[in-house]
Amino acid sequence: MTRDILIVADIHGRVSRLNELVEYRQKLLRNGEILNVIFLGDGLADVFSCKQYDNIIVHTVRGNCDVHDRFSPYGEEIPLYRLINAGKYKIFMAHGHTLAVKSTREELCREACRQGADIALFGHTHVPTLEYIKKGSIRGVDRDLAIFNPGSLGDFDGSFGNLSVGENDFLLSHGKYHNVIKK
């Protein structure tokens, strides 16, 4: 069975966009499915003020603009990095500001490999990105690695990402808010 995960970053106050996107994605779920959302920082207050939904799991990391939102409403400290599993794949999550992603992806790749990840997700640049890094192409990268940035849901055109995880493969893709939510 395929598992789809919504990936968002850099909301910057556009809570209504997040609410609409989550509602849209929930309508696509099959009976009993849970919507998984990965949030990559810069808008934790937006995520926490988002409507409460049934059947949703949100995985979050902090961004550089989340200085006053270190803790979830449940008291959990939100980390700068997180490693989660999706099927047989390990996903490294970071906003990216502490890994200098605006100038290079090398430190992101090295840290993801240190964590044993197959996929590295990041935000911060607001630029939708999908790259496949071959093992050994960067010093310290000892495995093949997919790196992905969903772009910014808060920017004018509002981009987001999707990760579909199957039994033996995964697919990363980008979407535009205005192409999905018609106003």
Protein backbone atom coordinates (compact mmCIF):
# COMPACT_ATOMS: atom_id res chain seq x y z
CA MET A 1 0.00 0.00 0.00
CA THR A 2 1.27 3.47 -0.84
CA ARG A 3 1.57 6.06 1.89
CA ASP A 4 1.34 9.74 0.94
CA ILE A 5 2.91 12.45 3.07
CA LEU A 6 2.25 16.17 2.62
CA ILE A 7 5.44 18.28 3.00
CA VAL A 8 5.26 22.00 3.80
CA ALA A 9 7.71 24.68 4.90
CA ASP A 10 7.96 28.42 5.35
CA ILE A 11 4.29 29.20 5.94
CA HIS A 12 5.05 32.69 7.30
CA GLY A 13 1.54 33.53 8.48
CA ARG A 14 -0.51 31.88 5.71
CA VAL A 15 -2.51 29.69 8.11
CA SER A 16 -5.54 29.68 5.81
CA ARG A 17 -3.46 28.09 3.06
CA LEU A 18 -2.33 25.34 5.39
CA ASN A 19 -5.91 24.73 6.57
CA GLU A 20 -7.22 24.56 3.00
CA LEU A 21 -4.43 22.27 1.84
CA VAL A 22 -4.92 19.89 4.79
CA GLU A 23 -8.71 19.83 4.24
CA TYR A 24 -8.18 19.10 0.54
CA ARG A 25 -5.73 16.28 1.28
CA GLN A 26 -8.02 14.79 3.92
CA LYS A 27 -10.80 14.48 1.34
CA LEU A 28 -8.46 12.27 -0.74
CA LEU A 29 -7.87 9.79 2.08
CA ARG A 30 -9.33 6.32 1.95
CA ASN A 31 -11.50 5.24 4.87
CA GLY A 32 -9.41 4.86 8.03
CA GLU A 33 -6.26 6.45 6.57
CA ILE A 34 -4.29 9.00 8.53
CA LEU A 35 -2.88 12.12 6.88
CA ASN A 36 0.82 12.56 7.60
CA VAL A 37 2.24 16.07 7.37
CA ILE A 38 5.90 17.03 7.55
CA PHE A 39 6.52 20.66 8.47
CA LEU A 40 10.06 21.95 7.90
CA GLY A 41 10.04 25.16 9.93
CA ASP A 42 9.27 28.88 9.77
CA GLY A 43 5.68 28.94 10.86
CA LEU A 44 5.38 26.71 13.92
CA ALA A 45 2.88 29.14 15.45
CA ASP A 46 0.87 28.79 12.21
CA VAL A 47 0.93 25.00 12.48
CA PHE A 48 -0.07 25.13 16.15
CA SER A 49 -2.95 27.55 15.43
CA CYS A 50 -4.15 25.48 12.47
CA LYS A 51 -7.60 23.90 12.78
CA GLN A 52 -7.68 20.67 14.75
CA TYR A 53 -8.27 17.67 12.52
CA ASP A 54 -9.02 14.02 13.06
CA ASN A 55 -6.71 11.45 11.51
CA ILE A 56 -3.64 13.67 11.17
CA ILE A 57 -0.05 13.28 12.36
CA VAL A 58 2.31 16.26 12.06
CA HIS A 59 6.10 15.90 12.28
CA THR A 60 7.82 19.26 12.85
CA VAL A 61 11.23 20.91 13.12
CA ARG A 62 12.07 24.50 14.04
CA GLY A 63 13.20 27.14 11.59
CA ASN A 64 15.13 30.36 12.05
CA CYS A 65 11.87 32.36 12.39
CA ASP A 66 10.52 30.03 15.08
CA VAL A 67 12.55 31.55 17.92
CA HIS A 68 9.50 32.05 20.16
CA ASP A 69 7.96 28.68 19.34
CA ARG A 70 10.40 26.15 20.77
CA PHE A 71 7.67 24.07 22.39
CA SER A 72 4.52 22.43 21.07
CA PRO A 73 1.17 23.08 22.79
CA TYR A 74 1.82 19.75 24.57
CA GLY A 75 5.17 20.87 26.02
CA GLU A 76 7.40 18.92 23.61
CA GLU A 77 10.52 20.83 22.61
CA ILE A 78 10.61 21.06 18.83
CA PRO A 79 14.04 19.99 17.54
CA LEU A 80 16.17 21.54 14.81
CA TYR A 81 16.57 18.08 13.22
CA ARG A 82 14.42 15.00 13.25
CA LEU A 83 14.67 11.51 11.79
CA ILE A 84 11.46 9.63 11.01
CA ASN A 85 10.61 6.39 9.24
CA ALA A 86 8.25 5.97 6.31
CA GLY A 87 8.05 2.35 5.28
CA LYS A 88 11.60 1.07 4.94
CA TYR A 89 12.99 4.60 4.34
CA LYS A 90 14.56 6.95 6.85
CA ILE A 91 13.75 10.64 6.41
CA PHE A 92 15.99 13.38 7.79
CA MET A 93 14.14 16.65 8.45
CA ALA A 94 15.75 20.06 8.94
CA HIS A 95 14.84 23.64 8.20
CA GLY A 96 18.38 24.03 6.94
CA HIS A 97 19.48 27.38 8.34
CA THR A 98 22.01 25.70 10.67
CA LEU A 99 23.34 23.65 7.73
CA ALA A 100 24.02 26.61 5.38
CA VAL A 101 21.60 25.35 2.71
CA LYS A 102 21.43 28.77 1.04
CA SER A 103 25.04 28.38 -0.07
CA THR A 104 25.64 24.61 -0.29
CA ARG A 105 23.83 21.32 0.22
CA GLU A 106 26.95 19.47 1.34
CA GLU A 107 26.48 19.79 5.10
CA LEU A 108 22.81 18.81 4.76
CA CYS A 109 23.85 15.69 2.86
CA ARG A 110 26.59 14.79 5.35
CA GLU A 111 24.28 15.21 8.35
CA ALA A 112 21.52 13.17 6.69
CA CYS A 113 24.04 10.39 5.99
CA ARG A 114 25.35 10.52 9.58
CA GLN A 115 21.75 9.95 10.66
CA GLY A 116 21.37 7.01 8.23
CA ALA A 117 18.75 8.75 6.08
CA ASP A 118 17.66 7.85 2.56
CA ILE A 119 15.84 11.17 2.05
CA ALA A 120 16.82 14.64 3.32
CA LEU A 121 14.06 17.26 3.54
CA PHE A 122 14.78 20.93 4.11
CA GLY A 123 13.22 24.39 3.82
CA HIS A 124 14.68 27.88 4.35
CA THR A 125 15.55 28.74 0.73
CA HIS A 126 11.90 28.97 -0.46
CA VAL A 127 13.09 27.29 -3.69
CA PRO A 128 11.46 23.99 -4.71
CA THR A 129 14.34 21.54 -5.07
CA LEU A 130 14.73 17.88 -5.93
CA GLU A 131 18.18 16.35 -6.36
CA TYR A 132 19.57 12.85 -6.22
CA ILE A 133 23.04 12.69 -4.72
CA LYS A 134 25.16 9.67 -5.59
CA LYS A 135 27.17 7.88 -2.94
CA GLY A 136 30.70 9.33 -2.84
CA SER A 137 29.92 12.41 -4.96
CA ILE A 138 30.29 14.57 -1.84
CA ARG A 139 32.91 13.90 0.81
CA GLY A 140 31.25 12.16 3.74
CA VAL A 141 28.22 11.01 1.71
CA ASP A 142 28.37 7.23 1.99
CA ARG A 143 24.99 6.38 0.46
CA ASP A 144 22.67 7.48 -2.33
CA LEU A 145 20.46 10.27 -1.05
CA ALA A 146 17.42 12.18 -2.30
CA ILE A 147 17.28 15.81 -1.16
CA PHE A 148 14.04 17.76 -1.39
CA ASN A 149 12.74 21.23 -0.56
CA PRO A 150 8.99 21.81 -0.98
CA GLY A 151 9.50 25.55 -1.45
CA SER A 152 7.39 27.97 0.56
CA LEU A 153 3.67 27.65 1.17
CA GLY A 154 3.74 31.31 2.24
CA ASP A 155 5.23 32.71 -0.98
CA PHE A 156 3.04 34.24 -3.70
CA ASP A 157 2.62 31.03 -5.70
CA GLY A 158 2.66 28.81 -2.59
CA SER A 159 4.44 25.54 -3.22
CA PHE A 160 4.38 22.30 -1.25
CA GLY A 161 5.63 18.76 -1.64
CA ASN A 162 4.39 15.21 -1.62
CA LEU A 163 6.21 12.03 -0.72
CA SER A 164 4.58 8.77 -1.84
CA VAL A 165 6.19 5.76 -0.20
CA GLY A 166 5.59 2.30 -1.61
CA GLU A 167 6.92 -1.05 -0.49
CA ASN A 168 10.07 -0.83 -2.62
CA ASP A 169 10.26 2.76 -3.86
CA PHE A 170 9.34 6.35 -3.18
CA LEU A 171 8.36 9.35 -5.28
CA LEU A 172 8.89 13.02 -4.40
CA SER A 173 6.94 15.72 -6.23
CA HIS A 174 6.04 19.41 -6.00
CA GLY A 175 2.63 21.08 -6.14
CA LYS A 176 1.37 24.65 -6.33
CA TYR A 177 -1.24 25.86 -3.86
CA HIS A 178 -3.14 27.81 -6.54
CA ASN A 179 -3.33 24.75 -8.81
CA VAL A 180 -4.95 22.68 -6.06
CA ILE A 181 -7.07 25.26 -4.23
CA LYS A 182 -9.15 27.21 -6.74
CA LYS A 183 -10.44 30.59 -5.57
